[in-house]
Structures are given as C-alpha cells and as structure tokens.
Amino acid sequence: MNIDEPSIGWRSFNSIAEDTKNELVIISGRDRETISCWLSSTNASLIAEHGAWIKEEGKNWQVTQPLRNDWKNTIKPILELYADRTPGSSVEEKNLPHAMEWKKE
C-alpha cells in the first residue's frame, strides 16, 4: 500500500466521524506523520506509534510520556534475536517505541 493512498477502510472513517453521535478514536502502530497524512481531515482523535503519541480532535500531537531513548539500546538486541528466529518478522524502530512485526507470507 502506498503511504499516499490509504485503503478504503481508512477512508470509511470519515463517514463514521461525520455522525455527531460518534466520538471516533483511531489507534495505530504507524508513525504520527503517516497517520496525519492519511487522516488529517477526519474528525477523530488519533493515537500513533502504539500509544506513544496522541492527537485529540482539533489539537496538536502530544507525547504520552516524556521521550527517553536510553532503554532502546537494551531492548533492541533482544527483539532482533527473536526476529531472526521468527520467519517473516522484523524489528522496526520508531520515534519512541520499537516494534517487532510479523507478516504472514
């Protein structure tokens, strides 16, 4: 999927968000730049990078916890060890969290 062309599922959030009876919150593991690109025109609160960033409707992005990266050097080798042993998986480093992802081939 191209970052500039979100799926029909992403676009369908607009119809849900347009109903004033709904309060839409979209949670994603994607980075906040991608989520903003895809959903900036949606009337929704957004949560990016597995909860590291939150953007309430009509407000700017805020980090949920103070940014600290000192733990990354400790955890990354452990994630890489398991990713190497799990076919189809990889370690993705994001602004704040690391994520081990597995995709069925």
C-alpha atoms as a PDB file:
ATOM      1  CA  MET A   1       0.000   0.000   0.000  1.00  0.00           C
ATOM      2  CA  ASN A   2       1.310   3.428  -0.915  1.00  0.00           C
ATOM      3  CA  ILE A   3       1.530   5.858   2.014  1.00  0.00           C
ATOM      4  CA  ASP A   4      -0.342   8.475  -0.054  1.00  0.00           C
ATOM      5  CA  GLU A   5      -3.203   6.119  -0.899  1.00  0.00           C
ATOM      6  CA  PRO A   6      -4.876   4.731   2.216  1.00  0.00           C
ATOM      7  CA  SER A   7      -7.192   1.788   1.836  1.00  0.00           C
ATOM      8  CA  ILE A   8     -10.961   2.086   1.560  1.00  0.00           C
ATOM      9  CA  GLY A   9     -11.084   1.103   5.236  1.00  0.00           C
ATOM     10  CA  TRP A  10      -9.177   4.235   6.240  1.00  0.00           C
ATOM     11  CA  ARG A  11     -11.374   6.470   4.092  1.00  0.00           C
ATOM     12  CA  SER A  12     -14.534   4.977   5.572  1.00  0.00           C
ATOM     13  CA  PHE A  13     -13.638   6.547   8.933  1.00  0.00           C
ATOM     14  CA  ASN A  14     -14.858   9.873   7.538  1.00  0.00           C
ATOM     15  CA  SER A  15     -18.435   8.629   7.270  1.00  0.00           C
ATOM     16  CA  ILE A  16     -18.334   7.355  10.863  1.00  0.00           C
ATOM     17  CA  ALA A  17     -16.792  10.570  12.173  1.00  0.00           C
ATOM     18  CA  GLU A  18     -19.338  12.781  10.401  1.00  0.00           C
ATOM     19  CA  ASP A  19     -22.140  11.446  12.623  1.00  0.00           C
ATOM     20  CA  THR A  20     -22.192  13.733  15.686  1.00  0.00           C
ATOM     21  CA  LYS A  21     -23.394  10.801  17.820  1.00  0.00           C
ATOM     22  CA  ASN A  22     -19.990   9.191  17.383  1.00  0.00           C
ATOM     23  CA  GLU A  23     -16.683  10.040  19.005  1.00  0.00           C
ATOM     24  CA  LEU A  24     -14.077   8.357  16.840  1.00  0.00           C
ATOM     25  CA  VAL A  25     -10.636   7.440  18.183  1.00  0.00           C
ATOM     26  CA  ILE A  26      -8.242   5.711  15.787  1.00  0.00           C
ATOM     27  CA  ILE A  27      -5.345   3.762  17.299  1.00  0.00           C
ATOM     28  CA  SER A  28      -2.434   2.726  15.098  1.00  0.00           C
ATOM     29  CA  GLY A  29       1.117   1.489  15.272  1.00  0.00           C
ATOM     30  CA  ARG A  30       2.026   3.792  12.375  1.00  0.00           C
ATOM     31  CA  ASP A  31       4.047   6.953  12.944  1.00  0.00           C
ATOM     32  CA  ARG A  32       2.185  10.199  13.547  1.00  0.00           C
ATOM     33  CA  GLU A  33       3.304  11.732  10.228  1.00  0.00           C
ATOM     34  CA  THR A  34       1.679   8.887   8.283  1.00  0.00           C
ATOM     35  CA  ILE A  35      -1.490   8.980  10.374  1.00  0.00           C
ATOM     36  CA  SER A  36      -1.708  12.754   9.921  1.00  0.00           C
ATOM     37  CA  CYS A  37      -1.247  12.388   6.181  1.00  0.00           C
ATOM     38  CA  TRP A  38      -3.981   9.791   5.928  1.00  0.00           C
ATOM     39  CA  LEU A  39      -6.479  11.158   8.425  1.00  0.00           C
ATOM     40  CA  SER A  40      -5.863  14.875   8.942  1.00  0.00           C
ATOM     41  CA  SER A  41      -9.274  15.748   7.503  1.00  0.00           C
ATOM     42  CA  THR A  42     -11.119  13.223   9.699  1.00  0.00           C
ATOM     43  CA  ASN A  43     -12.984  14.461  12.782  1.00  0.00           C
ATOM     44  CA  ALA A  44     -11.269  11.985  15.065  1.00  0.00           C
ATOM     45  CA  SER A  45      -8.768  11.719  17.868  1.00  0.00           C
ATOM     46  CA  LEU A  46      -5.657   9.864  16.734  1.00  0.00           C
ATOM     47  CA  ILE A  47      -3.228   7.645  18.630  1.00  0.00           C
ATOM     48  CA  ALA A  48       0.043   6.750  16.897  1.00  0.00           C
ATOM     49  CA  GLU A  49       3.084   4.544  17.470  1.00  0.00           C
ATOM     50  CA  HIS A  50       1.317   2.041  19.726  1.00  0.00           C
ATOM     51  CA  GLY A  51       0.128   4.732  22.135  1.00  0.00           C
ATOM     52  CA  ALA A  52       3.266   6.873  22.273  1.00  0.00           C
ATOM     53  CA  TRP A  53       1.556   9.888  20.651  1.00  0.00           C
ATOM     54  CA  ILE A  54      -1.989  11.232  20.950  1.00  0.00           C
ATOM     55  CA  LYS A  55      -3.771  13.922  18.991  1.00  0.00           C
ATOM     56  CA  GLU A  56      -7.149  14.864  20.325  1.00  0.00           C
ATOM     57  CA  GLU A  57      -9.580  16.179  17.729  1.00  0.00           C
ATOM     58  CA  GLY A  58      -8.679  19.760  16.829  1.00  0.00           C
ATOM     59  CA  LYS A  59      -5.443  19.765  18.868  1.00  0.00           C
ATOM     60  CA  ASN A  60      -1.729  19.176  18.218  1.00  0.00           C
ATOM     61  CA  TRP A  61       0.159  15.913  18.744  1.00  0.00           C
ATOM     62  CA  GLN A  62       1.356  15.281  22.300  1.00  0.00           C
ATOM     63  CA  VAL A  63       3.696  12.613  23.568  1.00  0.00           C
ATOM     64  CA  THR A  64       2.012  10.472  26.237  1.00  0.00           C
ATOM     65  CA  GLN A  65       5.191  10.107  28.289  1.00  0.00           C
ATOM     66  CA  PRO A  66       8.416  12.127  28.327  1.00  0.00           C
ATOM     67  CA  LEU A  67      10.677  10.964  25.490  1.00  0.00           C
ATOM     68  CA  ARG A  68      13.512   8.772  26.700  1.00  0.00           C
ATOM     69  CA  ASN A  69      15.597   6.641  24.407  1.00  0.00           C
ATOM     70  CA  ASP A  70      18.073   5.165  26.893  1.00  0.00           C
ATOM     71  CA  TRP A  71      16.154   1.874  27.072  1.00  0.00           C
ATOM     72  CA  LYS A  72      16.320   1.246  23.308  1.00  0.00           C
ATOM     73  CA  ASN A  73      19.911   0.002  23.283  1.00  0.00           C
ATOM     74  CA  THR A  74      18.985  -2.610  25.886  1.00  0.00           C
ATOM     75  CA  ILE A  75      15.840  -3.972  24.240  1.00  0.00           C
ATOM     76  CA  LYS A  76      16.796  -3.812  20.553  1.00  0.00           C
ATOM     77  CA  PRO A  77      19.208  -6.815  20.615  1.00  0.00           C
ATOM     78  CA  ILE A  78      16.532  -8.913  22.336  1.00  0.00           C
ATOM     79  CA  LEU A  79      13.925  -8.022  19.713  1.00  0.00           C
ATOM     80  CA  GLU A  80      16.434  -8.698  16.928  1.00  0.00           C
ATOM     81  CA  LEU A  81      17.238 -12.105  18.420  1.00  0.00           C
ATOM     82  CA  TYR A  82      13.581 -13.137  18.279  1.00  0.00           C
ATOM     83  CA  ALA A  83      13.014 -11.512  14.887  1.00  0.00           C
ATOM     84  CA  ASP A  84      15.932 -13.523  13.474  1.00  0.00           C
ATOM     85  CA  ARG A  85      14.299 -16.721  14.756  1.00  0.00           C
ATOM     86  CA  THR A  86      10.791 -15.865  13.539  1.00  0.00           C
ATOM     87  CA  PRO A  87      10.350 -16.181   9.764  1.00  0.00           C
ATOM     88  CA  GLY A  88       8.680 -13.132   8.226  1.00  0.00           C
ATOM     89  CA  SER A  89       9.376 -10.832  11.170  1.00  0.00           C
ATOM     90  CA  SER A  90      11.456  -7.694  11.513  1.00  0.00           C
ATOM     91  CA  VAL A  91      12.265  -5.025  14.072  1.00  0.00           C
ATOM     92  CA  GLU A  92      11.008  -1.550  13.279  1.00  0.00           C
ATOM     93  CA  GLU A  93      12.474   1.397  15.162  1.00  0.00           C
ATOM     94  CA  LYS A  94      10.097   4.304  15.539  1.00  0.00           C
ATOM     95  CA  ASN A  95      10.442   7.702  17.190  1.00  0.00           C
ATOM     96  CA  LEU A  96       9.710   6.315  20.621  1.00  0.00           C
ATOM     97  CA  PRO A  97       8.911   2.593  20.665  1.00  0.00           C
ATOM     98  CA  HIS A  98      10.435  -0.385  18.940  1.00  0.00           C
ATOM     99  CA  ALA A  99       8.072  -2.872  17.385  1.00  0.00           C
ATOM    100  CA  MET A 100       8.602  -6.436  16.268  1.00  0.00           C
ATOM    101  CA  GLU A 101       6.312  -7.139  13.364  1.00  0.00           C
ATOM    102  CA  TRP A 102       5.400 -10.418  11.761  1.00  0.00           C
ATOM    103  CA  LYS A 103       3.783 -10.683   8.365  1.00  0.00           C
ATOM    104  CA  LYS A 104       2.442 -13.938   7.068  1.00  0.00           C
ATOM    105  CA  GLU A 105       3.997 -14.627   3.708  1.00  0.00           C
END
